[in-house]
C-alpha atoms as a PDB file:
ATOM      1  CA  MET A   1    -109.798  17.999  25.682  1.00  0.00           C
ATOM      2  CA  SER A   2    -108.751  19.233  22.306  1.00  0.00           C
ATOM      3  CA  SER A   3    -109.291  22.635  20.770  1.00  0.00           C
ATOM      4  CA  PRO A   4    -112.052  23.190  18.224  1.00  0.00           C
ATOM      5  CA  THR A   5    -111.186  23.003  14.538  1.00  0.00           C
ATOM      6  CA  ASP A   6    -111.231  26.126  12.361  1.00  0.00           C
ATOM      7  CA  GLU A   7    -114.689  25.170  11.069  1.00  0.00           C
ATOM      8  CA  GLN A   8    -115.982  24.678  14.597  1.00  0.00           C
ATOM      9  CA  ILE A   9    -114.527  28.018  15.672  1.00  0.00           C
ATOM     10  CA  ALA A  10    -116.350  29.690  12.774  1.00  0.00           C
ATOM     11  CA  LEU A  11    -119.648  28.072  13.812  1.00  0.00           C
ATOM     12  CA  ILE A  12    -119.150  29.121  17.430  1.00  0.00           C
ATOM     13  CA  ARG A  13    -118.348  32.660  16.322  1.00  0.00           C
ATOM     14  CA  LEU A  14    -121.493  32.802  14.158  1.00  0.00           C
ATOM     15  CA  THR A  15    -123.592  31.630  17.086  1.00  0.00           C
ATOM     16  CA  LEU A  16    -122.068  34.144  19.497  1.00  0.00           C
ATOM     17  CA  GLU A  17    -122.843  36.887  16.955  1.00  0.00           C
ATOM     18  CA  ASP A  18    -126.472  35.646  17.114  1.00  0.00           C
ATOM     19  CA  ARG A  19    -126.425  34.588  13.452  1.00  0.00           C
ATOM     20  CA  LYS A  20    -128.381  31.395  12.930  1.00  0.00           C
ATOM     21  CA  MET A  21    -127.989  28.819  10.193  1.00  0.00           C
ATOM     22  CA  THR A  22    -130.941  27.114   8.511  1.00  0.00           C
ATOM     23  CA  TYR A  23    -132.204  23.741   9.671  1.00  0.00           C
ATOM     24  CA  PRO A  24    -130.828  21.033   9.875  1.00  0.00           C
ATOM     25  CA  ASP A  25    -127.442  22.796  10.110  1.00  0.00           C
ATOM     26  CA  ARG A  26    -128.709  24.915  13.006  1.00  0.00           C
ATOM     27  CA  PHE A  27    -129.084  21.783  15.126  1.00  0.00           C
ATOM     28  CA  GLU A  28    -125.396  20.941  14.610  1.00  0.00           C
ATOM     29  CA  GLN A  29    -124.447  24.577  15.242  1.00  0.00           C
ATOM     30  CA  GLU A  30    -126.289  24.665  18.573  1.00  0.00           C
ATOM     31  CA  LYS A  31    -124.989  21.226  19.582  1.00  0.00           C
ATOM     32  CA  LEU A  32    -121.419  22.393  18.924  1.00  0.00           C
ATOM     33  CA  LEU A  33    -121.926  25.601  20.917  1.00  0.00           C
ATOM     34  CA  ASN A  34    -123.362  23.666  23.868  1.00  0.00           C
ATOM     35  CA  SER A  35    -120.390  21.277  23.794  1.00  0.00           C
ATOM     36  CA  HIS A  36    -118.008  24.235  23.711  1.00  0.00           C
ATOM     37  CA  LYS A  37    -119.765  25.891  26.669  1.00  0.00           C
ATOM     38  CA  ALA A  38    -119.625  22.627  28.642  1.00  0.00           C
ATOM     39  CA  LYS A  39    -115.904  22.281  27.906  1.00  0.00           C
ATOM     40  CA  MET A  40    -115.261  25.844  29.087  1.00  0.00           C
ATOM     41  CA  LEU A  41    -117.186  25.225  32.322  1.00  0.00           C
ATOM     42  CA  VAL A  42    -115.320  21.973  32.999  1.00  0.00           C
ATOM     43  CA  GLU A  43    -112.006  23.781  32.477  1.00  0.00           C
ATOM     44  CA  GLN A  44    -113.119  26.479  34.946  1.00  0.00           C
ATOM     45  CA  VAL A  45    -114.007  23.824  37.533  1.00  0.00           C
ATOM     46  CA  PHE A  46    -110.610  22.126  37.150  1.00  0.00           C
ATOM     47  CA  ALA A  47    -108.881  25.498  37.512  1.00  0.00           C
ATOM     48  CA  MET A  48    -110.841  26.244  40.685  1.00  0.00           C
ATOM     49  CA  LEU A  49    -110.117  22.827  42.161  1.00  0.00           C
ATOM     50  CA  SER A  50    -106.406  23.067  41.473  1.00  0.00           C
ATOM     51  CA  GLN A  51    -105.980  26.346  43.376  1.00  0.00           C
END
């Protein structure tokens, strides 16, 4: 899994700061954050399984 781009990092940061974009951009913002959260959880599972 690759790392997010600079633009994606900025969107994730905005979301974590609880700043919302206007629609329809908010949909993409939330979709990106959910994908990022899923990636982080998958990485945690792999780390736990490899112990």
